[in-house]
Amino acid sequence: MHIVIAGGSGFIGGKIQKFLLGKGHQVTILTRNPNKTIQTRGISAVEWLQKDSRPEKELREVDAIINLAGESINGLRWTNKKKKEIVHSRMTATNEIVRMMNELHPKPQVLINASAIGYYGMSTTQEFTEVNNDEAPDFLATVVRKWENAAAKARNTGTRVVFARFGLVLGNGGALPLMLLPYKMKIGGTVGTGEQWVSWIHVEDVVRMLYFAILHKEIEGPLNVTAPNPVTMRQFGKAISSVMHSPHWLPVPSWALKIGLGEMSSMLLEGQKVIPEKALRYDFNFHFPQLERALEEIVYT
């Protein structure tokens, strides 16, 4: 197949590139700086989101598009400026992909659009599957709804659209290295109350599930990209402690995170128990269904 990736140079995008090339597919990366992309056999780069760039003129026979583009929600306090950048980057990229798809002939068979389990809002008691449609009022949920609504317009081209709602992606990138750091320093402990849920997934299973969604035409709409066994934050910390043979003793109080991170602290202090019901229904085979095994693979390989 010919698969186009937007946001292909990031933590997840790089893994997807390698996986698809290993399967013998042709990959095109949409990038603002194509000259900085290493173009080898099976992989090419096309400029987009620049003045006068028209990527559709360089794309031929596209089978699938994976959209991972967007400003990271991690790393900085959610100032008003940061919030605007988070929303603007996702809407700009997704709207451009839909515009581009309108110009492509033939149309891609499927658009896999990155999304997030933030769609469901936060809860310590409720269990969420893809059928939950209640509109949560917080910032992340609002961003995700706007993002998915923009991507849904691709259905007007006759293309199947999948909203890949990512949980906490574990690997040698993303948020996990920062979460491991206190344990490397022997000062790890429970974050907040410890009762908040962490819906996680190994990055290898992320890549495989996105590919699974491309191949299985019956999958459309929301797809929870999480492992089948979410854990509480206390269990998450203890699993890291066990794998790294490091003590789990120094708690991080909620008030300290709220002072340090502001509104962004909600990502650590609140959570949601998300079940990948659709992936399980279609018999997706998780390589890492259990947290400790996933952490061991990441820490020791």
Protein backbone atom coordinates (compact mmCIF):
# COMPACT_ATOMS: atom_id res chain seq x y z
CA MET A 1 0.00 0.00 0.00
CA HIS A 2 0.91 3.67 -0.24
CA ILE A 3 0.45 5.20 3.22
CA VAL A 4 0.81 8.91 3.95
CA ILE A 5 1.76 10.03 7.47
CA ALA A 6 1.37 13.52 8.90
CA GLY A 7 3.41 14.02 12.06
CA GLY A 8 5.61 11.14 11.02
CA SER A 9 8.82 12.34 12.65
CA GLY A 10 7.62 12.11 16.26
CA PHE A 11 7.84 9.35 18.87
CA ILE A 12 4.92 7.31 17.49
CA GLY A 13 5.38 8.36 13.86
CA GLY A 14 8.94 7.09 13.72
CA LYS A 15 7.85 3.69 15.00
CA ILE A 16 5.06 3.51 12.42
CA GLN A 17 7.46 4.38 9.60
CA LYS A 18 9.79 1.54 10.53
CA PHE A 19 6.90 -0.92 10.91
CA LEU A 20 5.33 -0.08 7.55
CA LEU A 21 8.63 -0.22 5.71
CA GLY A 22 9.21 -3.64 7.25
CA LYS A 23 5.89 -4.74 5.76
CA GLY A 24 6.99 -3.58 2.31
CA HIS A 25 4.68 -0.57 2.03
CA GLN A 26 5.47 2.78 0.44
CA VAL A 27 5.46 5.63 2.96
CA THR A 28 5.17 9.37 2.29
CA ILE A 29 5.78 11.84 5.12
CA LEU A 30 3.98 15.19 5.10
CA THR A 31 6.42 17.71 6.56
CA ARG A 32 7.18 21.42 6.61
CA ASN A 33 10.83 20.63 5.88
CA PRO A 34 11.13 17.78 3.37
CA ASN A 35 14.86 18.40 2.98
CA LYS A 36 15.38 17.37 6.61
CA THR A 37 13.63 14.03 6.15
CA ILE A 38 15.84 11.04 5.44
CA GLN A 39 14.43 9.67 2.20
CA THR A 40 15.40 6.10 1.47
CA ARG A 41 13.95 3.24 -0.50
CA GLY A 42 10.24 3.07 0.28
CA ILE A 43 10.03 6.45 1.99
CA SER A 44 9.65 9.96 0.60
CA ALA A 45 8.71 13.41 1.91
CA VAL A 46 6.27 16.01 0.61
CA GLU A 47 5.99 19.59 1.82
CA TRP A 48 2.78 20.78 3.47
CA LEU A 49 1.44 23.57 5.70
CA GLN A 50 3.68 26.09 3.98
CA LYS A 51 2.61 29.00 1.85
CA ASP A 52 1.57 27.77 -1.62
CA SER A 53 2.35 24.10 -0.80
CA ARG A 54 -0.05 21.69 -2.51
CA PRO A 55 0.89 18.17 -1.39
CA GLU A 56 -1.95 16.57 -3.31
CA LYS A 57 -0.14 17.41 -6.56
CA GLU A 58 2.72 15.10 -5.56
CA LEU A 59 0.68 12.24 -4.13
CA ARG A 60 -0.43 9.33 -6.26
CA GLU A 61 -2.61 6.31 -5.47
CA VAL A 62 -2.86 6.90 -1.72
CA ASP A 63 -4.44 3.97 0.14
CA ALA A 64 -4.40 5.34 3.69
CA ILE A 65 -3.54 8.49 5.63
CA ILE A 66 -2.40 8.53 9.27
CA ASN A 67 -2.68 11.95 10.91
CA LEU A 68 -0.55 12.35 14.05
CA ALA A 69 0.16 16.07 13.64
CA GLY A 70 -0.37 18.48 16.51
CA GLU A 71 1.33 20.53 19.22
CA SER A 72 2.31 18.38 22.22
CA ILE A 73 0.10 18.73 25.28
CA ASN A 74 3.05 17.81 27.53
CA GLY A 75 5.98 19.79 28.85
CA LEU A 76 4.57 23.24 29.61
CA ARG A 77 1.83 24.80 31.70
CA TRP A 78 -1.41 25.26 29.80
CA THR A 79 -1.29 29.01 29.47
CA ASN A 80 -3.92 30.61 27.26
CA LYS A 81 -1.27 30.85 24.54
CA LYS A 82 -0.37 27.16 24.89
CA LYS A 83 -4.03 26.15 24.75
CA LYS A 84 -4.54 28.12 21.55
CA GLU A 85 -1.49 26.44 19.99
CA ILE A 86 -2.75 22.99 20.97
CA VAL A 87 -6.14 23.61 19.35
CA HIS A 88 -4.84 25.56 16.35
CA SER A 89 -2.16 23.01 15.39
CA ARG A 90 -4.63 20.12 15.39
CA MET A 91 -7.37 21.96 13.53
CA THR A 92 -4.98 23.39 10.93
CA ALA A 93 -3.41 20.00 10.16
CA THR A 94 -6.70 18.10 10.08
CA ASN A 95 -8.49 20.68 7.96
CA GLU A 96 -5.60 20.63 5.50
CA ILE A 97 -5.75 16.83 5.27
CA VAL A 98 -9.49 16.95 4.52
CA ARG A 99 -8.90 19.67 1.89
CA MET A 100 -6.14 17.60 0.35
CA MET A 101 -8.30 14.46 0.31
CA ASN A 102 -10.98 16.31 -1.62
CA GLU A 103 -8.42 16.85 -4.38
CA LEU A 104 -7.05 13.30 -4.50
CA HIS A 105 -8.25 10.88 -7.15
CA PRO A 106 -8.84 8.09 -6.35
CA LYS A 107 -9.73 8.80 -2.74
CA PRO A 108 -7.82 7.13 0.12
CA GLN A 109 -9.65 4.15 1.57
CA VAL A 110 -9.14 5.21 5.19
CA LEU A 111 -8.06 8.12 7.38
CA ILE A 112 -6.64 7.16 10.78
CA ASN A 113 -6.84 10.38 12.77
CA ALA A 114 -5.05 10.62 16.11
CA SER A 115 -7.28 11.49 19.03
CA ALA A 116 -7.19 10.93 22.79
CA ILE A 117 -9.06 9.25 25.61
CA GLY A 118 -9.39 12.74 27.05
CA TYR A 119 -12.62 12.68 25.04
CA TYR A 120 -14.30 10.87 27.94
CA GLY A 121 -13.47 13.35 30.67
CA MET A 122 -12.19 12.29 34.08
CA SER A 123 -13.62 9.77 36.54
CA THR A 124 -12.39 7.45 39.30
CA THR A 125 -15.50 5.26 39.16
CA GLN A 126 -16.79 5.07 35.58
CA GLU A 127 -15.55 2.65 32.92
CA PHE A 128 -15.40 4.00 29.37
CA THR A 129 -15.69 2.20 26.03
CA GLU A 130 -16.17 3.57 22.54
CA VAL A 131 -19.94 3.79 23.05
CA ASN A 132 -19.63 6.52 25.70
CA ASN A 133 -20.73 9.80 24.11
CA ASP A 134 -21.35 12.11 27.05
CA GLU A 135 -19.73 15.49 26.46
CA ALA A 136 -17.18 16.25 29.16
CA PRO A 137 -16.63 19.97 29.85
CA ASP A 138 -12.85 20.09 30.47
CA PHE A 139 -10.20 21.46 28.10
CA LEU A 140 -8.88 18.15 26.76
CA ALA A 141 -12.36 16.81 26.02
CA THR A 142 -13.23 20.01 24.17
CA VAL A 143 -10.06 19.81 22.08
CA VAL A 144 -10.70 16.18 21.18
CA ARG A 145 -14.30 16.83 20.11
CA LYS A 146 -13.21 19.68 17.82
CA TRP A 147 -10.40 17.52 16.42
CA GLU A 148 -12.65 14.54 15.69
CA ASN A 149 -15.38 16.73 14.18
CA ALA A 150 -12.85 18.20 11.77
CA ALA A 151 -11.59 14.74 10.76
CA ALA A 152 -15.15 13.44 10.35
CA LYS A 153 -15.58 15.74 7.34
CA ALA A 154 -13.37 13.32 5.39
CA ARG A 155 -16.37 10.99 5.32
CA ASN A 156 -17.85 13.30 2.70
CA THR A 157 -15.20 12.00 0.29
CA GLY A 158 -16.37 8.42 0.88
CA THR A 159 -13.35 7.64 3.02
CA ARG A 160 -13.61 5.52 6.15
CA VAL A 161 -12.51 7.51 9.21
CA VAL A 162 -11.09 6.08 12.44
CA PHE A 163 -10.57 8.23 15.54
CA ALA A 164 -7.60 6.60 17.28
CA ARG A 165 -8.08 7.62 20.91
CA PHE A 166 -4.65 7.20 22.47
CA GLY A 167 -4.11 6.46 26.13
CA LEU A 168 -0.73 6.89 27.83
CA VAL A 169 1.74 5.52 25.28
CA LEU A 170 4.70 3.74 26.88
CA GLY A 171 8.09 3.58 25.19
CA ASN A 172 11.49 5.22 25.01
CA GLY A 173 9.85 8.53 24.27
CA GLY A 174 6.73 10.43 25.21
CA ALA A 175 5.88 10.78 28.91
CA LEU A 176 7.38 7.55 30.31
CA PRO A 177 11.05 8.65 30.62
CA LEU A 178 9.97 11.50 32.93
CA MET A 179 7.82 9.10 34.95
CA LEU A 180 10.78 6.73 35.38
CA LEU A 181 13.17 9.47 36.48
CA PRO A 182 12.14 9.63 40.19
CA TYR A 183 12.61 5.86 40.44
CA LYS A 184 16.06 6.10 38.88
CA MET A 185 16.84 8.64 41.61
CA LYS A 186 15.35 6.31 44.28
CA ILE A 187 12.67 8.84 45.21
CA GLY A 188 9.63 7.38 43.44
CA GLY A 189 6.21 7.28 45.04
CA THR A 190 2.48 7.63 44.56
CA VAL A 191 1.30 10.64 42.57
CA GLY A 192 -1.74 12.36 44.06
CA THR A 193 -4.26 10.07 45.73
CA GLY A 194 -3.10 7.06 43.73
CA GLU A 195 -6.73 6.13 43.03
CA GLN A 196 -6.85 7.81 39.60
CA TRP A 197 -6.86 5.45 36.63
CA VAL A 198 -4.06 5.16 34.08
CA SER A 199 -5.13 3.75 30.72
CA TRP A 200 -1.81 2.85 29.11
CA ILE A 201 -0.49 0.99 26.05
CA HIS A 202 2.93 -0.11 24.78
CA VAL A 203 4.01 1.81 21.69
CA GLU A 204 4.48 -1.45 19.76
CA ASP A 205 0.81 -2.27 20.28
CA VAL A 206 -0.11 1.28 19.21
CA VAL A 207 1.63 0.78 15.88
CA ARG A 208 0.13 -2.66 15.38
CA MET A 209 -3.38 -1.46 16.26
CA LEU A 210 -3.24 1.43 13.80
CA TYR A 211 -2.15 -1.00 11.08
CA PHE A 212 -4.92 -3.39 12.19
CA ALA A 213 -7.43 -0.55 11.73
CA ILE A 214 -6.14 0.13 8.23
CA LEU A 215 -6.59 -3.50 7.22
CA HIS A 216 -9.98 -4.13 8.85
CA LYS A 217 -12.66 -2.26 6.94
CA GLU A 218 -15.27 -2.96 9.61
CA ILE A 219 -13.45 -0.67 12.06
CA GLU A 220 -14.57 2.95 11.88
CA GLY A 221 -15.33 5.82 14.21
CA PRO A 222 -13.76 5.83 17.70
CA LEU A 223 -11.10 3.24 18.52
CA ASN A 224 -9.64 3.15 22.02
CA VAL A 225 -5.90 2.67 21.62
CA THR A 226 -5.25 1.35 25.12
CA ALA A 227 -4.23 -1.94 26.70
CA PRO A 228 -7.05 -4.14 28.08
CA ASN A 229 -5.81 -3.84 31.68
CA PRO A 230 -5.78 -0.24 32.98
CA VAL A 231 -4.33 0.30 36.45
CA THR A 232 -4.55 2.91 39.18
CA MET A 233 -1.72 5.40 39.57
CA ARG A 234 -0.64 3.63 42.77
CA GLN A 235 -0.43 0.31 40.89
CA PHE A 236 1.42 2.05 38.05
CA GLY A 237 4.06 3.41 40.43
CA LYS A 238 4.47 0.08 42.19
CA ALA A 239 4.93 -1.67 38.83
CA ILE A 240 7.72 0.76 37.93
CA SER A 241 9.24 0.20 41.38
CA SER A 242 9.18 -3.57 40.89
CA VAL A 243 10.65 -3.51 37.39
CA MET A 244 13.39 -1.01 38.27
CA HIS A 245 14.12 -2.51 41.72
CA SER A 246 13.69 0.94 43.20
CA PRO A 247 11.76 2.02 46.31
CA HIS A 248 8.23 3.36 46.07
CA TRP A 249 8.07 5.60 49.11
CA LEU A 250 8.03 9.35 48.47
CA PRO A 251 4.52 10.55 47.57
CA VAL A 252 3.94 13.53 45.30
CA PRO A 253 1.05 15.51 46.83
CA SER A 254 -1.70 16.86 44.62
CA TRP A 255 -1.15 20.44 45.78
CA ALA A 256 2.49 20.39 44.63
CA LEU A 257 1.56 19.30 41.12
CA LYS A 258 -1.23 21.87 40.93
CA ILE A 259 1.22 24.63 41.87
CA GLY A 260 3.89 23.38 39.49
CA LEU A 261 1.77 22.44 36.48
CA GLY A 262 -1.45 24.37 36.89
CA GLU A 263 -4.37 23.00 34.86
CA MET A 264 -2.09 20.48 33.14
CA SER A 265 -1.79 18.64 36.48
CA SER A 266 -5.23 17.15 35.77
CA MET A 267 -3.53 14.71 33.38
CA LEU A 268 -1.71 13.16 36.36
CA LEU A 269 -4.14 13.78 39.21
CA GLU A 270 -7.29 12.64 37.41
CA GLY A 271 -7.81 9.88 34.90
CA GLN A 272 -10.24 7.50 33.29
CA LYS A 273 -10.61 3.75 33.11
CA VAL A 274 -10.77 3.07 29.37
CA ILE A 275 -11.38 -0.36 27.85
CA PRO A 276 -10.45 -1.10 24.18
CA GLU A 277 -13.75 -2.84 23.54
CA LYS A 278 -13.62 -2.48 19.77
CA ALA A 279 -10.09 -3.90 19.46
CA LEU A 280 -11.09 -6.85 21.65
CA ARG A 281 -14.29 -7.41 19.67
CA TYR A 282 -12.30 -7.76 16.45
CA ASP A 283 -9.71 -10.04 18.10
CA PHE A 284 -6.74 -7.71 18.07
CA ASN A 285 -3.83 -9.57 19.68
CA PHE A 286 -2.06 -7.42 22.27
CA HIS A 287 1.63 -8.22 22.61
CA PHE A 288 1.72 -6.38 25.94
CA PRO A 289 -1.61 -6.74 27.77
CA GLN A 290 0.01 -6.52 31.23
CA LEU A 291 1.82 -3.44 32.55
CA GLU A 292 4.88 -5.05 34.17
CA ARG A 293 5.75 -7.00 31.02
CA ALA A 294 5.42 -3.80 28.95
CA LEU A 295 7.69 -1.90 31.34
CA GLU A 296 10.26 -4.71 31.37
CA GLU A 297 10.48 -4.67 27.58
CA ILE A 298 11.05 -0.92 27.55
CA VAL A 299 13.49 -0.72 30.47
CA TYR A 300 15.64 -3.73 29.61
CA THR A 301 15.79 -3.68 25.79
